[in-house]
Protein backbone atom coordinates (compact mmCIF):
# COMPACT_ATOMS: atom_id res chain seq x y z
CA UNK A 1 -8.83 6.95 -23.79
CA UNK A 2 -6.14 9.42 -21.47
CA UNK A 3 -5.84 9.13 -17.90
CA UNK A 4 -3.79 11.38 -16.14
CA UNK A 5 -3.40 11.28 -12.48
CA UNK A 6 -2.32 13.86 -10.70
CA UNK A 7 0.92 12.28 -8.65
CA UNK A 8 3.46 10.30 -10.43
CA UNK A 9 3.20 6.04 -8.88
CA UNK A 10 5.61 4.21 -8.31
CA UNK A 11 5.62 0.14 -8.09
CA UNK A 12 6.49 -1.72 -5.37
CA UNK A 13 7.89 -5.53 -4.73
CA UNK A 14 4.63 -7.74 -4.70
CA UNK A 15 5.93 -8.97 -0.43
CA UNK A 16 6.43 -5.09 0.29
CA UNK A 17 3.11 -3.72 -0.89
CA UNK A 18 1.53 -7.18 0.83
CA UNK A 19 3.72 -6.52 4.21
CA UNK A 20 2.81 -1.89 3.72
CA UNK A 21 -0.91 -3.61 2.86
CA UNK A 22 -1.34 -5.44 6.14
CA UNK A 23 -0.57 -2.37 8.38
CA UNK A 24 -2.83 -0.11 7.17
CA UNK A 25 -5.36 -2.63 6.50
CA UNK A 26 -4.77 -2.99 10.58
CA UNK A 27 -5.25 0.85 11.23
CA UNK A 28 -8.42 0.43 9.16
CA UNK A 29 -9.82 -1.31 10.93
CA UNK A 30 -9.06 -0.95 14.86
CA UNK A 31 -10.36 3.28 13.74
CA UNK A 32 -13.75 1.59 12.39
CA UNK A 33 -13.63 -1.57 15.11
CA UNK A 34 -12.94 1.88 18.16
CA UNK A 35 -15.33 4.85 16.34
CA UNK A 36 -17.92 2.34 14.32
CA UNK A 37 -19.36 3.01 11.11
CA UNK A 38 -20.94 6.26 11.27
CA UNK A 39 -17.72 8.27 11.88
CA UNK A 40 -17.72 11.23 9.24
CA UNK A 41 -15.61 10.13 6.47
CA UNK A 42 -13.28 13.62 6.65
CA UNK A 43 -12.67 12.59 10.48
CA UNK A 44 -11.77 8.68 10.00
CA UNK A 45 -9.79 10.18 6.94
CA UNK A 46 -7.83 12.17 9.47
CA UNK A 47 -7.73 9.56 12.15
CA UNK A 48 -6.02 6.71 9.28
CA UNK A 49 -3.21 9.30 8.67
CA UNK A 50 -2.63 10.49 12.16
CA UNK A 51 -2.11 6.51 12.97
CA UNK A 52 -0.14 5.93 10.09
CA UNK A 53 2.11 8.66 11.05
CA UNK A 54 2.50 7.70 14.37
CA UNK A 55 3.72 4.14 12.75
CA UNK A 56 6.00 5.93 10.53
CA UNK A 57 3.69 5.53 7.15
CA UNK A 58 3.76 8.84 5.82
CA UNK A 59 1.10 9.48 3.04
CA UNK A 60 2.42 11.63 0.02
CA UNK A 61 -0.83 12.95 -0.67
CA UNK A 62 -4.00 12.59 0.93
CA UNK A 63 -6.01 12.26 -1.87
CA UNK A 64 -4.90 11.77 -5.45
CA UNK A 65 -7.01 12.81 -8.51
CA UNK A 66 -7.87 10.53 -11.62
CA UNK A 67 -8.67 12.30 -14.89
CA UNK A 68 -10.15 9.88 -17.33
CA UNK A 69 -10.97 11.75 -20.59
CA UNK A 70 -12.48 10.78 -24.05
CA UNK A 71 -13.51 12.57 -26.90
CA UNK A 72 -15.45 15.13 -25.18
CA UNK A 73 -15.95 13.39 -21.57
CA UNK A 74 -14.02 14.06 -18.85
CA UNK A 75 -14.42 13.02 -15.48
CA UNK A 76 -12.25 12.97 -12.24
CA UNK A 77 -11.88 10.46 -10.11
CA UNK A 78 -10.11 10.63 -6.36
CA UNK A 79 -8.15 8.03 -5.10
CA UNK A 80 -8.14 8.04 -0.97
CA UNK A 81 -4.20 8.14 -0.46
CA UNK A 82 -1.10 8.00 -2.14
CA UNK A 83 1.98 6.65 0.51
CA UNK A 84 5.47 7.61 -0.06
CA UNK A 85 7.96 5.33 -1.60
CA UNK A 86 9.39 5.22 0.84
CA UNK A 87 6.70 3.14 2.38
CA UNK A 88 6.80 0.38 0.65
């Protein structure tokens, strides 16, 4: 079952990943607490991206396409955000 990703995904050390995860999740929870659960998804994503950029966490891409195919089946999925390697 081939899986194609539209960008390069690089691994980072576990400690660096967890440190980045804590910073990003802090932003996500702050946005959720400030705007509530009914904020439009596009506005939610834009606000999170802007706050991450303010903290120096710059996304390489806002959405990354992941294509899964098997015989005649083909389906695209989208990962919300891919961060630049400098973030890890």
